[in-house]
Amino acid sequence: MMPPLMERRKGVGIMIFVLAIVGFFLYAYLLMLSEWSPIIQQLSMLMIVGGILGVVAWIGYVTATTRASSASITSTED
């Protein structure tokens, strides 16, 4: 018998697995067989491009706002 926390985690994992598969088939249906196909394509591209540009913006923000530590600064003095 598994502890209650492990049973709960296993149940959550199975639920996520099943929902991901159902979501894929729903997306495939909407993309291939429904009249919503053009809007689904447009929204998909919008989310992909928005996600990629969001990551690039986050990298830029972190780069701009992170203070350089003395260990990361290299000296050219010999």
PDB file of N, CA and C in Angstrom:
ATOM      1  N   MET A   1       0.851  -1.188   0.000  1.00  0.00           N
ATOM      2  CA  MET A   1       0.000   0.000   0.000  1.00  0.00           C
ATOM      3  C   MET A   1       0.887   1.239   0.000  1.00  0.00           C
ATOM      4  N   MET A   2       0.586   2.161  -0.920  1.00  0.00           N
ATOM      5  CA  MET A   2       1.357   3.402  -1.030  1.00  0.00           C
ATOM      6  C   MET A   2       0.839   4.426  -0.022  1.00  0.00           C
ATOM      7  N   PRO A   3       1.734   5.308   0.442  1.00  0.00           N
ATOM      8  CA  PRO A   3       1.274   6.408   1.301  1.00  0.00           C
ATOM      9  C   PRO A   3       0.289   7.297   0.553  1.00  0.00           C
ATOM     10  N   PRO A   4      -0.598   7.984   1.284  1.00  0.00           N
ATOM     11  CA  PRO A   4      -1.634   8.814   0.625  1.00  0.00           C
ATOM     12  C   PRO A   4      -1.067   9.882  -0.308  1.00  0.00           C
ATOM     13  N   LEU A   5       0.073  10.474   0.055  1.00  0.00           N
ATOM     14  CA  LEU A   5       0.646  11.510  -0.796  1.00  0.00           C
ATOM     15  C   LEU A   5       1.091  10.939  -2.138  1.00  0.00           C
ATOM     16  N   MET A   6       1.673   9.738  -2.125  1.00  0.00           N
ATOM     17  CA  MET A   6       2.106   9.110  -3.378  1.00  0.00           C
ATOM     18  C   MET A   6       0.902   8.727  -4.232  1.00  0.00           C
ATOM     19  N   GLU A   7      -0.173   8.258  -3.599  1.00  0.00           N
ATOM     20  CA  GLU A   7      -1.383   7.923  -4.357  1.00  0.00           C
ATOM     21  C   GLU A   7      -1.964   9.174  -5.009  1.00  0.00           C
ATOM     22  N   ARG A   8      -1.954  10.284  -4.274  1.00  0.00           N
ATOM     23  CA  ARG A   8      -2.482  11.524  -4.822  1.00  0.00           C
ATOM     24  C   ARG A   8      -1.622  12.008  -5.991  1.00  0.00           C
ATOM     25  N   ARG A   9      -0.304  11.952  -5.827  1.00  0.00           N
ATOM     26  CA  ARG A   9       0.597  12.371  -6.907  1.00  0.00           C
ATOM     27  C   ARG A   9       0.421  11.487  -8.136  1.00  0.00           C
ATOM     28  N   LYS A  10       0.242  10.189  -7.918  1.00  0.00           N
ATOM     29  CA  LYS A  10       0.040   9.272  -9.038  1.00  0.00           C
ATOM     30  C   LYS A  10      -1.268   9.600  -9.755  1.00  0.00           C
ATOM     31  N   GLY A  11      -2.314   9.910  -8.994  1.00  0.00           N
ATOM     32  CA  GLY A  11      -3.596  10.279  -9.587  1.00  0.00           C
ATOM     33  C   GLY A  11      -3.506  11.565 -10.382  1.00  0.00           C
ATOM     34  N   VAL A  12      -2.785  12.552  -9.852  1.00  0.00           N
ATOM     35  CA  VAL A  12      -2.597  13.817 -10.562  1.00  0.00           C
ATOM     36  C   VAL A  12      -1.798  13.579 -11.844  1.00  0.00           C
ATOM     37  N   GLY A  13      -0.768  12.746 -11.770  1.00  0.00           N
ATOM     38  CA  GLY A  13       0.034  12.432 -12.950  1.00  0.00           C
ATOM     39  C   GLY A  13      -0.782  11.752 -14.035  1.00  0.00           C
ATOM     40  N   ILE A  14      -1.617  10.810 -13.653  1.00  0.00           N
ATOM     41  CA  ILE A  14      -2.474  10.121 -14.630  1.00  0.00           C
ATOM     42  C   ILE A  14      -3.465  11.104 -15.241  1.00  0.00           C
ATOM     43  N   MET A  15      -4.005  12.004 -14.416  1.00  0.00           N
ATOM     44  CA  MET A  15      -4.958  12.988 -14.926  1.00  0.00           C
ATOM     45  C   MET A  15      -4.285  13.931 -15.932  1.00  0.00           C
ATOM     46  N   ILE A  16      -3.091  14.389 -15.628  1.00  0.00           N
ATOM     47  CA  ILE A  16      -2.365  15.254 -16.557  1.00  0.00           C
ATOM     48  C   ILE A  16      -2.085  14.516 -17.858  1.00  0.00           C
ATOM     49  N   PHE A  17      -1.676  13.249 -17.766  1.00  0.00           N
ATOM     50  CA  PHE A  17      -1.397  12.430 -18.945  1.00  0.00           C
ATOM     51  C   PHE A  17      -2.636  12.307 -19.829  1.00  0.00           C
ATOM     52  N   VAL A  18      -3.758  11.965 -19.235  1.00  0.00           N
ATOM     53  CA  VAL A  18      -4.997  11.777 -19.995  1.00  0.00           C
ATOM     54  C   VAL A  18      -5.467  13.097 -20.603  1.00  0.00           C
ATOM     55  N   LEU A  19      -5.396  14.189 -19.830  1.00  0.00           N
ATOM     56  CA  LEU A  19      -5.823  15.491 -20.352  1.00  0.00           C
ATOM     57  C   LEU A  19      -4.936  15.959 -21.505  1.00  0.00           C
ATOM     58  N   ALA A  20      -3.645  15.659 -21.456  1.00  0.00           N
ATOM     59  CA  ALA A  20      -2.761  16.033 -22.553  1.00  0.00           C
ATOM     60  C   ALA A  20      -3.133  15.287 -23.827  1.00  0.00           C
ATOM     61  N   ILE A  21      -3.451  14.009 -23.720  1.00  0.00           N
ATOM     62  CA  ILE A  21      -3.838  13.219 -24.895  1.00  0.00           C
ATOM     63  C   ILE A  21      -5.182  13.708 -25.444  1.00  0.00           C
ATOM     64  N   VAL A  22      -6.135  13.950 -24.564  1.00  0.00           N
ATOM     65  CA  VAL A  22      -7.436  14.462 -24.992  1.00  0.00           C
ATOM     66  C   VAL A  22      -7.265  15.837 -25.650  1.00  0.00           C
ATOM     67  N   GLY A  23      -6.429  16.682 -25.062  1.00  0.00           N
ATOM     68  CA  GLY A  23      -6.166  18.003 -25.630  1.00  0.00           C
ATOM     69  C   GLY A  23      -5.561  17.918 -27.021  1.00  0.00           C
ATOM     70  N   PHE A  24      -4.650  16.955 -27.218  1.00  0.00           N
ATOM     71  CA  PHE A  24      -4.058  16.776 -28.540  1.00  0.00           C
ATOM     72  C   PHE A  24      -5.112  16.394 -29.568  1.00  0.00           C
ATOM     73  N   PHE A  25      -5.968  15.439 -29.235  1.00  0.00           N
ATOM     74  CA  PHE A  25      -6.988  15.020 -30.185  1.00  0.00           C
ATOM     75  C   PHE A  25      -8.013  16.125 -30.456  1.00  0.00           C
ATOM     76  N   LEU A  26      -8.344  16.915 -29.437  1.00  0.00           N
ATOM     77  CA  LEU A  26      -9.243  18.047 -29.635  1.00  0.00           C
ATOM     78  C   LEU A  26      -8.598  19.081 -30.558  1.00  0.00           C
ATOM     79  N   TYR A  27      -7.319  19.364 -30.328  1.00  0.00           N
ATOM     80  CA  TYR A  27      -6.582  20.305 -31.179  1.00  0.00           C
ATOM     81  C   TYR A  27      -6.510  19.775 -32.617  1.00  0.00           C
ATOM     82  N   ALA A  28      -6.206  18.490 -32.778  1.00  0.00           N
ATOM     83  CA  ALA A  28      -6.128  17.907 -34.124  1.00  0.00           C
ATOM     84  C   ALA A  28      -7.479  17.994 -34.831  1.00  0.00           C
ATOM     85  N   TYR A  29      -8.560  17.730 -34.108  1.00  0.00           N
ATOM     86  CA  TYR A  29      -9.891  17.832 -34.711  1.00  0.00           C
ATOM     87  C   TYR A  29     -10.175  19.272 -35.148  1.00  0.00           C
ATOM     88  N   LEU A  30      -9.911  20.218 -34.228  1.00  0.00           N
ATOM     89  CA  LEU A  30     -10.179  21.622 -34.562  1.00  0.00           C
ATOM     90  C   LEU A  30      -9.315  22.101 -35.719  1.00  0.00           C
ATOM     91  N   LEU A  31      -8.094  21.600 -35.804  1.00  0.00           N
ATOM     92  CA  LEU A  31      -7.173  22.036 -36.846  1.00  0.00           C
ATOM     93  C   LEU A  31      -7.490  21.403 -38.197  1.00  0.00           C
ATOM     94  N   MET A  32      -7.904  20.152 -38.199  1.00  0.00           N
ATOM     95  CA  MET A  32      -8.059  19.413 -39.461  1.00  0.00           C
ATOM     96  C   MET A  32      -9.500  19.298 -39.960  1.00  0.00           C
ATOM     97  N   LEU A  33     -10.446  19.186 -39.064  1.00  0.00           N
ATOM     98  CA  LEU A  33     -11.788  18.800 -39.501  1.00  0.00           C
ATOM     99  C   LEU A  33     -12.890  19.818 -39.241  1.00  0.00           C
ATOM    100  N   SER A  34     -12.573  20.899 -38.550  1.00  0.00           N
ATOM    101  CA  SER A  34     -13.664  21.823 -38.232  1.00  0.00           C
ATOM    102  C   SER A  34     -13.571  23.089 -39.072  1.00  0.00           C
ATOM    103  N   GLU A  35     -14.641  23.865 -39.012  1.00  0.00           N
ATOM    104  CA  GLU A  35     -14.644  25.131 -39.726  1.00  0.00           C
ATOM    105  C   GLU A  35     -13.801  26.178 -39.009  1.00  0.00           C
ATOM    106  N   TRP A  36     -13.324  25.873 -37.808  1.00  0.00           N
ATOM    107  CA  TRP A  36     -12.490  26.774 -37.013  1.00  0.00           C
ATOM    108  C   TRP A  36     -11.009  26.678 -37.380  1.00  0.00           C
ATOM    109  N   SER A  37     -10.679  25.903 -38.383  1.00  0.00           N
ATOM    110  CA  SER A  37      -9.279  25.647 -38.732  1.00  0.00           C
ATOM    111  C   SER A  37      -8.455  26.920 -38.959  1.00  0.00           C
ATOM    112  N   PRO A  38      -8.927  27.899 -39.737  1.00  0.00           N
ATOM    113  CA  PRO A  38      -8.088  29.092 -39.949  1.00  0.00           C
ATOM    114  C   PRO A  38      -7.787  29.855 -38.655  1.00  0.00           C
ATOM    115  N   ILE A  39      -8.789  30.011 -37.800  1.00  0.00           N
ATOM    116  CA  ILE A  39      -8.565  30.749 -36.557  1.00  0.00           C
ATOM    117  C   ILE A  39      -7.671  29.954 -35.611  1.00  0.00           C
ATOM    118  N   ILE A  40      -7.773  28.628 -35.622  1.00  0.00           N
ATOM    119  CA  ILE A  40      -6.915  27.783 -34.789  1.00  0.00           C
ATOM    120  C   ILE A  40      -5.467  27.908 -35.260  1.00  0.00           C
ATOM    121  N   GLN A  41      -5.248  27.937 -36.566  1.00  0.00           N
ATOM    122  CA  GLN A  41      -3.892  28.120 -37.093  1.00  0.00           C
ATOM    123  C   GLN A  41      -3.330  29.481 -36.689  1.00  0.00           C
ATOM    124  N   GLN A  42      -4.149  30.514 -36.820  1.00  0.00           N
ATOM    125  CA  GLN A  42      -3.687  31.854 -36.467  1.00  0.00           C
ATOM    126  C   GLN A  42      -3.371  31.957 -34.973  1.00  0.00           C
ATOM    127  N   LEU A  43      -4.239  31.424 -34.136  1.00  0.00           N
ATOM    128  CA  LEU A  43      -3.994  31.465 -32.697  1.00  0.00           C
ATOM    129  C   LEU A  43      -2.772  30.637 -32.311  1.00  0.00           C
ATOM    130  N   SER A  44      -2.572  29.504 -32.981  1.00  0.00           N
ATOM    131  CA  SER A  44      -1.398  28.678 -32.702  1.00  0.00           C
ATOM    132  C   SER A  44      -0.117  29.425 -33.022  1.00  0.00           C
ATOM    133  N   MET A  45      -0.071  30.052 -34.171  1.00  0.00           N
ATOM    134  CA  MET A  45       1.120  30.818 -34.543  1.00  0.00           C
ATOM    135  C   MET A  45       1.326  31.997 -33.600  1.00  0.00           C
ATOM    136  N   LEU A  46       0.249  32.647 -33.215  1.00  0.00           N
ATOM    137  CA  LEU A  46       0.341  33.765 -32.284  1.00  0.00           C
ATOM    138  C   LEU A  46       0.933  33.314 -30.952  1.00  0.00           C
ATOM    139  N   MET A  47       0.483  32.177 -30.453  1.00  0.00           N
ATOM    140  CA  MET A  47       1.005  31.668 -29.181  1.00  0.00           C
ATOM    141  C   MET A  47       2.458  31.234 -29.298  1.00  0.00           C
ATOM    142  N   ILE A  48       2.815  30.600 -30.409  1.00  0.00           N
ATOM    143  CA  ILE A  48       4.205  30.161 -30.600  1.00  0.00           C
ATOM    144  C   ILE A  48       5.141  31.360 -30.673  1.00  0.00           C
ATOM    145  N   VAL A  49       4.804  32.316 -31.537  1.00  0.00           N
ATOM    146  CA  VAL A  49       5.651  33.500 -31.695  1.00  0.00           C
ATOM    147  C   VAL A  49       5.677  34.314 -30.405  1.00  0.00           C
ATOM    148  N   GLY A  50       4.522  34.464 -29.769  1.00  0.00           N
ATOM    149  CA  GLY A  50       4.471  35.188 -28.500  1.00  0.00           C
ATOM    150  C   GLY A  50       5.299  34.511 -27.418  1.00  0.00           C
ATOM    151  N   GLY A  51       5.269  33.186 -27.377  1.00  0.00           N
ATOM    152  CA  GLY A  51       6.074  32.458 -26.396  1.00  0.00           C
ATOM    153  C   GLY A  51       7.561  32.620 -26.633  1.00  0.00           C
ATOM    154  N   ILE A  52       7.977  32.506 -27.884  1.00  0.00           N
ATOM    155  CA  ILE A  52       9.405  32.654 -28.221  1.00  0.00           C
ATOM    156  C   ILE A  52       9.874  34.077 -27.923  1.00  0.00           C
ATOM    157  N   LEU A  53       9.099  35.075 -28.350  1.00  0.00           N
ATOM    158  CA  LEU A  53       9.491  36.456 -28.092  1.00  0.00           C
ATOM    159  C   LEU A  53       9.409  36.789 -26.604  1.00  0.00           C
ATOM    160  N   GLY A  54       8.510  36.153 -25.874  1.00  0.00           N
ATOM    161  CA  GLY A  54       8.450  36.334 -24.425  1.00  0.00           C
ATOM    162  C   GLY A  54       9.709  35.823 -23.749  1.00  0.00           C
ATOM    163  N   VAL A  55      10.212  34.673 -24.189  1.00  0.00           N
ATOM    164  CA  VAL A  55      11.455  34.135 -23.643  1.00  0.00           C
ATOM    165  C   VAL A  55      12.619  35.055 -23.984  1.00  0.00           C
ATOM    166  N   VAL A  56      12.676  35.546 -25.220  1.00  0.00           N
ATOM    167  CA  VAL A  56      13.747  36.470 -25.614  1.00  0.00           C
ATOM    168  C   VAL A  56      13.671  37.747 -24.778  1.00  0.00           C
ATOM    169  N   ALA A  57      12.472  38.279 -24.559  1.00  0.00           N
ATOM    170  CA  ALA A  57      12.314  39.481 -23.736  1.00  0.00           C
ATOM    171  C   ALA A  57      12.749  39.217 -22.298  1.00  0.00           C
ATOM    172  N   TRP A  58      12.410  38.056 -21.758  1.00  0.00           N
ATOM    173  CA  TRP A  58      12.819  37.698 -20.401  1.00  0.00           C
ATOM    174  C   TRP A  58      14.339  37.613 -20.289  1.00  0.00           C
ATOM    175  N   ILE A  59      14.984  37.010 -21.277  1.00  0.00           N
ATOM    176  CA  ILE A  59      16.450  36.938 -21.282  1.00  0.00           C
ATOM    177  C   ILE A  59      17.040  38.348 -21.320  1.00  0.00           C
ATOM    178  N   GLY A  60      16.490  39.224 -22.153  1.00  0.00           N
ATOM    179  CA  GLY A  60      16.959  40.598 -22.215  1.00  0.00           C
ATOM    180  C   GLY A  60      16.760  41.332 -20.903  1.00  0.00           C
ATOM    181  N   TYR A  61      15.612  41.150 -20.269  1.00  0.00           N
ATOM    182  CA  TYR A  61      15.326  41.799 -18.988  1.00  0.00           C
ATOM    183  C   TYR A  61      16.294  41.331 -17.907  1.00  0.00           C
ATOM    184  N   VAL A  62      16.493  40.023 -17.833  1.00  0.00           N
ATOM    185  CA  VAL A  62      17.408  39.480 -16.832  1.00  0.00           C
ATOM    186  C   VAL A  62      18.825  39.968 -17.089  1.00  0.00           C
ATOM    187  N   THR A  63      19.237  40.000 -18.340  1.00  0.00           N
ATOM    188  CA  THR A  63      20.573  40.483 -18.687  1.00  0.00           C
ATOM    189  C   THR A  63      20.737  41.955 -18.310  1.00  0.00           C
ATOM    190  N   ALA A  64      19.723  42.749 -18.531  1.00  0.00           N
ATOM    191  CA  ALA A  64      19.805  44.188 -18.267  1.00  0.00           C
ATOM    192  C   ALA A  64      19.741  44.512 -16.775  1.00  0.00           C
ATOM    193  N   THR A  65      19.063  43.701 -15.988  1.00  0.00           N
ATOM    194  CA  THR A  65      18.838  44.044 -14.586  1.00  0.00           C
ATOM    195  C   THR A  65      19.713  43.282 -13.604  1.00  0.00           C
ATOM    196  N   THR A  66      20.483  42.321 -14.062  1.00  0.00           N
ATOM    197  CA  THR A  66      21.332  41.547 -13.165  1.00  0.00           C
ATOM    198  C   THR A  66      22.645  42.286 -12.948  1.00  0.00           C
ATOM    199  N   ARG A  67      23.001  42.444 -11.697  1.00  0.00           N
ATOM    200  CA  ARG A  67      24.266  43.092 -11.380  1.00  0.00           C
ATOM    201  C   ARG A  67      25.398  42.106 -11.608  1.00  0.00           C
ATOM    202  N   ALA A  68      26.489  42.614 -12.120  1.00  0.00           N
ATOM    203  CA  ALA A  68      27.663  41.773 -12.341  1.00  0.00           C
ATOM    204  C   ALA A  68      28.365  41.563 -11.001  1.00  0.00           C
ATOM    205  N   SER A  69      28.674  40.345 -10.689  1.00  0.00           N
ATOM    206  CA  SER A  69      29.415  40.068  -9.461  1.00  0.00           C
ATOM    207  C   SER A  69      30.903  40.204  -9.743  1.00  0.00           C
ATOM    208  N   SER A  70      31.677  40.398  -8.703  1.00  0.00           N
ATOM    209  CA  SER A  70      33.110  40.586  -8.901  1.00  0.00           C
ATOM    210  C   SER A  70      33.774  39.331  -9.457  1.00  0.00           C
ATOM    211  N   ALA A  71      33.159  38.177  -9.237  1.00  0.00           N
ATOM    212  CA  ALA A  71      33.732  36.935  -9.749  1.00  0.00           C
ATOM    213  C   ALA A  71      33.545  36.812 -11.255  1.00  0.00           C
ATOM    214  N   SER A  72      32.547  37.510 -11.802  1.00  0.00           N
ATOM    215  CA  SER A  72      32.298  37.393 -13.239  1.00  0.00           C
ATOM    216  C   SER A  72      33.026  38.444 -14.063  1.00  0.00           C
ATOM    217  N   ILE A  73      33.646  39.409 -13.402  1.00  0.00           N
ATOM    218  CA  ILE A  73      34.362  40.452 -14.115  1.00  0.00           C
ATOM    219  C   ILE A  73      35.818  40.009 -14.284  1.00  0.00           C
ATOM    220  N   THR A  74      36.262  39.984 -15.511  1.00  0.00           N
ATOM    221  CA  THR A  74      37.639  39.571 -15.762  1.00  0.00           C
ATOM    222  C   THR A  74      38.509  40.795 -15.937  1.00  0.00           C
ATOM    223  N   SER A  75      39.706  40.712 -15.458  1.00  0.00           N
ATOM    224  CA  SER A  75      40.639  41.822 -15.538  1.00  0.00           C
ATOM    225  C   SER A  75      41.654  41.534 -16.642  1.00  0.00           C
ATOM    226  N   THR A  76      41.997  42.562 -17.402  1.00  0.00           N
ATOM    227  CA  THR A  76      42.989  42.400 -18.483  1.00  0.00           C
ATOM    228  C   THR A  76      44.373  42.825 -18.024  1.00  0.00           C
ATOM    229  N   GLU A  77      44.470  43.201 -16.727  1.00  0.00           N
ATOM    230  CA  GLU A  77      45.764  43.623 -16.209  1.00  0.00           C
ATOM    231  C   GLU A  77      46.669  42.412 -15.995  1.00  0.00           C
ATOM    232  N   ASP A  78      47.882  42.472 -16.486  1.00  0.00           N
ATOM    233  CA  ASP A  78      48.823  41.372 -16.283  1.00  0.00           C
ATOM    234  C   ASP A  78      50.039  41.834 -15.521  1.00  0.00           C
TER     235      ASP A  78
END
